[in-house]
Amino acid sequence: MTELELTPGDVVVVCAFDDVPEHLFRVEEVFEDCVTGFAVSGPLAGSYGEPALEMILRLVSSA
């Protein structure tokens, strides 16, 4: 998989995990192994998270 060039403000799709389906996530900070930010759709909408980069499926919109 090609490594994504992520920046704060980007919206990405996070893969499904446990009982949580794929969902949109707005990136606030980018680190070597994860991003931080908030879910913008799905059952976790509005919740803070730190998904690993491997969980990001694709970029939806750039900041």
PDB file of N, CA and C in Angstrom:
ATOM      1  N   MET A   1       0.840  -1.185   0.000  1.00  0.00           N
ATOM      2  CA  MET A   1       0.000   0.000   0.000  1.00  0.00           C
ATOM      3  C   MET A   1       0.883   1.245   0.000  1.00  0.00           C
ATOM      4  N   THR A   2       0.494   2.251  -0.759  1.00  0.00           N
ATOM      5  CA  THR A   2       1.227   3.502  -0.817  1.00  0.00           C
ATOM      6  C   THR A   2       1.024   4.280   0.472  1.00  0.00           C
ATOM      7  N   GLU A   3       2.101   4.838   0.981  1.00  0.00           N
ATOM      8  CA  GLU A   3       2.005   5.620   2.206  1.00  0.00           C
ATOM      9  C   GLU A   3       1.322   6.949   1.907  1.00  0.00           C
ATOM     10  N   LEU A   4       0.320   7.298   2.723  1.00  0.00           N
ATOM     11  CA  LEU A   4      -0.416   8.543   2.542  1.00  0.00           C
ATOM     12  C   LEU A   4       0.355   9.716   3.131  1.00  0.00           C
ATOM     13  N   GLU A   5       0.259  10.852   2.486  1.00  0.00           N
ATOM     14  CA  GLU A   5       0.820  12.099   3.000  1.00  0.00           C
ATOM     15  C   GLU A   5      -0.321  12.817   3.704  1.00  0.00           C
ATOM     16  N   LEU A   6      -0.419  12.659   5.014  1.00  0.00           N
ATOM     17  CA  LEU A   6      -1.520  13.234   5.779  1.00  0.00           C
ATOM     18  C   LEU A   6      -1.110  14.535   6.441  1.00  0.00           C
ATOM     19  N   THR A   7      -2.060  15.464   6.528  1.00  0.00           N
ATOM     20  CA  THR A   7      -1.843  16.735   7.197  1.00  0.00           C
ATOM     21  C   THR A   7      -3.040  17.046   8.082  1.00  0.00           C
ATOM     22  N   PRO A   8      -2.853  17.878   9.113  1.00  0.00           N
ATOM     23  CA  PRO A   8      -3.980  18.258   9.963  1.00  0.00           C
ATOM     24  C   PRO A   8      -5.122  18.836   9.129  1.00  0.00           C
ATOM     25  N   GLY A   9      -6.339  18.412   9.448  1.00  0.00           N
ATOM     26  CA  GLY A   9      -7.520  18.844   8.720  1.00  0.00           C
ATOM     27  C   GLY A   9      -8.004  17.851   7.686  1.00  0.00           C
ATOM     28  N   ASP A  10      -7.151  16.892   7.289  1.00  0.00           N
ATOM     29  CA  ASP A  10      -7.570  15.860   6.341  1.00  0.00           C
ATOM     30  C   ASP A  10      -8.674  15.010   6.943  1.00  0.00           C
ATOM     31  N   VAL A  11      -9.543  14.487   6.075  1.00  0.00           N
ATOM     32  CA  VAL A  11     -10.554  13.519   6.491  1.00  0.00           C
ATOM     33  C   VAL A  11     -10.194  12.198   5.837  1.00  0.00           C
ATOM     34  N   VAL A  12     -10.134  11.142   6.655  1.00  0.00           N
ATOM     35  CA  VAL A  12      -9.742   9.817   6.181  1.00  0.00           C
ATOM     36  C   VAL A  12     -10.815   8.794   6.554  1.00  0.00           C
ATOM     37  N   VAL A  13     -10.730   7.630   5.944  1.00  0.00           N
ATOM     38  CA  VAL A  13     -11.594   6.504   6.306  1.00  0.00           C
ATOM     39  C   VAL A  13     -10.775   5.565   7.178  1.00  0.00           C
ATOM     40  N   VAL A  14     -11.314   5.264   8.359  1.00  0.00           N
ATOM     41  CA  VAL A  14     -10.674   4.322   9.280  1.00  0.00           C
ATOM     42  C   VAL A  14     -11.376   2.979   9.118  1.00  0.00           C
ATOM     43  N   CYS A  15     -10.614   1.905   9.056  1.00  0.00           N
ATOM     44  CA  CYS A  15     -11.184   0.573   8.860  1.00  0.00           C
ATOM     45  C   CYS A  15     -12.035   0.141  10.053  1.00  0.00           C
ATOM     46  N   ALA A  16     -12.882  -0.846   9.811  1.00  0.00           N
ATOM     47  CA  ALA A  16     -13.726  -1.394  10.867  1.00  0.00           C
ATOM     48  C   ALA A  16     -12.868  -2.135  11.883  1.00  0.00           C
ATOM     49  N   PHE A  17     -13.283  -2.085  13.149  1.00  0.00           N
ATOM     50  CA  PHE A  17     -12.613  -2.838  14.203  1.00  0.00           C
ATOM     51  C   PHE A  17     -13.633  -3.153  15.289  1.00  0.00           C
ATOM     52  N   ASP A  18     -13.435  -4.272  15.976  1.00  0.00           N
ATOM     53  CA  ASP A  18     -14.377  -4.727  17.001  1.00  0.00           C
ATOM     54  C   ASP A  18     -15.802  -4.638  16.451  1.00  0.00           C
ATOM     55  N   ASP A  19     -16.682  -3.896  17.100  1.00  0.00           N
ATOM     56  CA  ASP A  19     -18.063  -3.729  16.624  1.00  0.00           C
ATOM     57  C   ASP A  19     -18.278  -2.378  15.955  1.00  0.00           C
ATOM     58  N   VAL A  20     -17.201  -1.693  15.609  1.00  0.00           N
ATOM     59  CA  VAL A  20     -17.282  -0.361  15.010  1.00  0.00           C
ATOM     60  C   VAL A  20     -17.059  -0.486  13.501  1.00  0.00           C
ATOM     61  N   PRO A  21     -18.014  -0.001  12.682  1.00  0.00           N
ATOM     62  CA  PRO A  21     -17.843  -0.082  11.227  1.00  0.00           C
ATOM     63  C   PRO A  21     -16.852   0.962  10.721  1.00  0.00           C
ATOM     64  N   GLU A  22     -16.478   0.865   9.438  1.00  0.00           N
ATOM     65  CA  GLU A  22     -15.656   1.899   8.812  1.00  0.00           C
ATOM     66  C   GLU A  22     -16.291   3.255   9.104  1.00  0.00           C
ATOM     67  N   HIS A  23     -15.451   4.269   9.312  1.00  0.00           N
ATOM     68  CA  HIS A  23     -16.000   5.593   9.592  1.00  0.00           C
ATOM     69  C   HIS A  23     -15.016   6.683   9.171  1.00  0.00           C
ATOM     70  N   LEU A  24     -15.545   7.894   9.059  1.00  0.00           N
ATOM     71  CA  LEU A  24     -14.726   9.040   8.699  1.00  0.00           C
ATOM     72  C   LEU A  24     -14.087   9.618   9.954  1.00  0.00           C
ATOM     73  N   PHE A  25     -12.874  10.147   9.780  1.00  0.00           N
ATOM     74  CA  PHE A  25     -12.092  10.647  10.899  1.00  0.00           C
ATOM     75  C   PHE A  25     -11.342  11.887  10.449  1.00  0.00           C
ATOM     76  N   ARG A  26     -11.445  12.994  11.217  1.00  0.00           N
ATOM     77  CA  ARG A  26     -10.723  14.231  10.895  1.00  0.00           C
ATOM     78  C   ARG A  26      -9.411  14.261  11.673  1.00  0.00           C
ATOM     79  N   VAL A  27      -8.305  14.382  10.945  1.00  0.00           N
ATOM     80  CA  VAL A  27      -6.962  14.352  11.516  1.00  0.00           C
ATOM     81  C   VAL A  27      -6.618  15.706  12.145  1.00  0.00           C
ATOM     82  N   GLU A  28      -6.116  15.674  13.391  1.00  0.00           N
ATOM     83  CA  GLU A  28      -5.633  16.890  14.048  1.00  0.00           C
ATOM     84  C   GLU A  28      -4.105  16.936  14.099  1.00  0.00           C
ATOM     85  N   GLU A  29      -3.470  15.798  14.391  1.00  0.00           N
ATOM     86  CA  GLU A  29      -2.005  15.724  14.423  1.00  0.00           C
ATOM     87  C   GLU A  29      -1.564  14.434  13.761  1.00  0.00           C
ATOM     88  N   VAL A  30      -0.395  14.463  13.139  1.00  0.00           N
ATOM     89  CA  VAL A  30       0.162  13.294  12.463  1.00  0.00           C
ATOM     90  C   VAL A  30       1.481  12.929  13.140  1.00  0.00           C
ATOM     91  N   PHE A  31       1.613  11.661  13.530  1.00  0.00           N
ATOM     92  CA  PHE A  31       2.829  11.148  14.150  1.00  0.00           C
ATOM     93  C   PHE A  31       3.378  10.020  13.287  1.00  0.00           C
ATOM     94  N   GLU A  32       4.525   9.456  13.661  1.00  0.00           N
ATOM     95  CA  GLU A  32       5.150   8.380  12.883  1.00  0.00           C
ATOM     96  C   GLU A  32       4.271   7.149  12.756  1.00  0.00           C
ATOM     97  N   ASP A  33       3.544   6.817  13.820  1.00  0.00           N
ATOM     98  CA  ASP A  33       2.791   5.565  13.829  1.00  0.00           C
ATOM     99  C   ASP A  33       1.283   5.726  13.974  1.00  0.00           C
ATOM    100  N   CYS A  34       0.796   6.949  14.173  1.00  0.00           N
ATOM    101  CA  CYS A  34      -0.639   7.162  14.357  1.00  0.00           C
ATOM    102  C   CYS A  34      -1.012   8.600  14.036  1.00  0.00           C
ATOM    103  N   VAL A  35      -2.304   8.855  14.034  1.00  0.00           N
ATOM    104  CA  VAL A  35      -2.828  10.215  13.935  1.00  0.00           C
ATOM    105  C   VAL A  35      -3.748  10.426  15.124  1.00  0.00           C
ATOM    106  N   THR A  36      -4.003  11.685  15.463  1.00  0.00           N
ATOM    107  CA  THR A  36      -4.993  12.001  16.488  1.00  0.00           C
ATOM    108  C   THR A  36      -6.080  12.840  15.847  1.00  0.00           C
ATOM    109  N   GLY A  37      -7.250  12.841  16.465  1.00  0.00           N
ATOM    110  CA  GLY A  37      -8.350  13.635  15.938  1.00  0.00           C
ATOM    111  C   GLY A  37      -9.678  13.120  16.438  1.00  0.00           C
ATOM    112  N   PHE A  38     -10.724  13.368  15.650  1.00  0.00           N
ATOM    113  CA  PHE A  38     -12.083  13.034  16.059  1.00  0.00           C
ATOM    114  C   PHE A  38     -12.833  12.313  14.949  1.00  0.00           C
ATOM    115  N   ALA A  39     -13.623  11.324  15.340  1.00  0.00           N
ATOM    116  CA  ALA A  39     -14.499  10.629  14.400  1.00  0.00           C
ATOM    117  C   ALA A  39     -15.596  11.601  13.967  1.00  0.00           C
ATOM    118  N   VAL A  40     -15.912  11.615  12.684  1.00  0.00           N
ATOM    119  CA  VAL A  40     -16.955  12.513  12.183  1.00  0.00           C
ATOM    120  C   VAL A  40     -18.182  11.769  11.684  1.00  0.00           C
ATOM    121  N   SER A  41     -18.146  10.447  11.711  1.00  0.00           N
ATOM    122  CA  SER A  41     -19.317   9.651  11.333  1.00  0.00           C
ATOM    123  C   SER A  41     -19.306   8.349  12.129  1.00  0.00           C
ATOM    124  N   GLY A  42     -20.389   7.616  12.028  1.00  0.00           N
ATOM    125  CA  GLY A  42     -20.491   6.329  12.703  1.00  0.00           C
ATOM    126  C   GLY A  42     -20.812   6.462  14.179  1.00  0.00           C
ATOM    127  N   PRO A  43     -20.811   5.339  14.888  1.00  0.00           N
ATOM    128  CA  PRO A  43     -21.206   5.347  16.297  1.00  0.00           C
ATOM    129  C   PRO A  43     -20.244   6.103  17.208  1.00  0.00           C
ATOM    130  N   LEU A  44     -19.033   6.373  16.747  1.00  0.00           N
ATOM    131  CA  LEU A  44     -18.064   7.111  17.560  1.00  0.00           C
ATOM    132  C   LEU A  44     -18.002   8.599  17.197  1.00  0.00           C
ATOM    133  N   ALA A  45     -18.933   9.087  16.374  1.00  0.00           N
ATOM    134  CA  ALA A  45     -18.916  10.486  15.934  1.00  0.00           C
ATOM    135  C   ALA A  45     -18.742  11.420  17.121  1.00  0.00           C
ATOM    136  N   GLY A  46     -17.776  12.324  17.002  1.00  0.00           N
ATOM    137  CA  GLY A  46     -17.490  13.284  18.048  1.00  0.00           C
ATOM    138  C   GLY A  46     -16.479  12.807  19.068  1.00  0.00           C
ATOM    139  N   SER A  47     -16.109  11.542  19.001  1.00  0.00           N
ATOM    140  CA  SER A  47     -15.165  10.972  19.963  1.00  0.00           C
ATOM    141  C   SER A  47     -13.720  11.163  19.504  1.00  0.00           C
ATOM    142  N   TYR A  48     -12.854  11.457  20.472  1.00  0.00           N
ATOM    143  CA  TYR A  48     -11.420  11.581  20.222  1.00  0.00           C
ATOM    144  C   TYR A  48     -10.838  10.199  19.981  1.00  0.00           C
ATOM    145  N   GLY A  49      -9.835  10.107  19.116  1.00  0.00           N
ATOM    146  CA  GLY A  49      -9.181   8.832  18.878  1.00  0.00           C
ATOM    147  C   GLY A  49      -7.750   9.006  18.417  1.00  0.00           C
ATOM    148  N   GLU A  50      -7.024   7.893  18.448  1.00  0.00           N
ATOM    149  CA  GLU A  50      -5.625   7.846  17.997  1.00  0.00           C
ATOM    150  C   GLU A  50      -5.409   6.593  17.158  1.00  0.00           C
ATOM    151  N   PRO A  51      -6.036   6.515  15.977  1.00  0.00           N
ATOM    152  CA  PRO A  51      -5.862   5.308  15.164  1.00  0.00           C
ATOM    153  C   PRO A  51      -4.447   5.179  14.604  1.00  0.00           C
ATOM    154  N   ALA A  52      -3.968   3.943  14.570  1.00  0.00           N
ATOM    155  CA  ALA A  52      -2.672   3.648  13.955  1.00  0.00           C
ATOM    156  C   ALA A  52      -2.768   3.918  12.454  1.00  0.00           C
ATOM    157  N   LEU A  53      -1.662   4.273  11.852  1.00  0.00           N
ATOM    158  CA  LEU A  53      -1.651   4.556  10.412  1.00  0.00           C
ATOM    159  C   LEU A  53      -2.140   3.362   9.593  1.00  0.00           C
ATOM    160  N   GLU A  54      -1.883   2.144  10.075  1.00  0.00           N
ATOM    161  CA  GLU A  54      -2.320   0.940   9.359  1.00  0.00           C
ATOM    162  C   GLU A  54      -3.844   0.827   9.281  1.00  0.00           C
ATOM    163  N   MET A  55      -4.553   1.536  10.145  1.00  0.00           N
ATOM    164  CA  MET A  55      -6.020   1.479  10.162  1.00  0.00           C
ATOM    165  C   MET A  55      -6.651   2.428   9.152  1.00  0.00           C
ATOM    166  N   ILE A  56      -5.856   3.312   8.565  1.00  0.00           N
ATOM    167  CA  ILE A  56      -6.384   4.287   7.612  1.00  0.00           C
ATOM    168  C   ILE A  56      -6.424   3.658   6.230  1.00  0.00           C
ATOM    169  N   LEU A  57      -7.632   3.588   5.671  1.00  0.00           N
ATOM    170  CA  LEU A  57      -7.825   2.954   4.378  1.00  0.00           C
ATOM    171  C   LEU A  57      -7.561   3.893   3.203  1.00  0.00           C
ATOM    172  N   ARG A  58      -8.034   5.133   3.328  1.00  0.00           N
ATOM    173  CA  ARG A  58      -7.856   6.087   2.227  1.00  0.00           C
ATOM    174  C   ARG A  58      -8.158   7.505   2.697  1.00  0.00           C
ATOM    175  N   LEU A  59      -7.680   8.455   1.924  1.00  0.00           N
ATOM    176  CA  LEU A  59      -7.923   9.869   2.141  1.00  0.00           C
ATOM    177  C   LEU A  59      -9.216  10.253   1.442  1.00  0.00           C
ATOM    178  N   VAL A  60     -10.109  10.951   2.140  1.00  0.00           N
ATOM    179  CA  VAL A  60     -11.377  11.378   1.548  1.00  0.00           C
ATOM    180  C   VAL A  60     -11.288  12.814   1.084  1.00  0.00           C
ATOM    181  N   SER A  61     -10.753  13.698   1.922  1.00  0.00           N
ATOM    182  CA  SER A  61     -10.572  15.094   1.525  1.00  0.00           C
ATOM    183  C   SER A  61      -9.349  15.676   2.222  1.00  0.00           C
ATOM    184  N   SER A  62      -8.689  16.572   1.494  1.00  0.00           N
ATOM    185  CA  SER A  62      -7.487  17.215   2.026  1.00  0.00           C
ATOM    186  C   SER A  62      -7.843  18.566   2.629  1.00  0.00           C
ATOM    187  N   ALA A  63      -7.052  18.956   3.601  1.00  0.00           N
ATOM    188  CA  ALA A  63      -7.276  20.256   4.267  1.00  0.00           C
ATOM    189  C   ALA A  63      -6.895  21.386   3.353  1.00  0.00           C
TER     190      ALA A  63
END
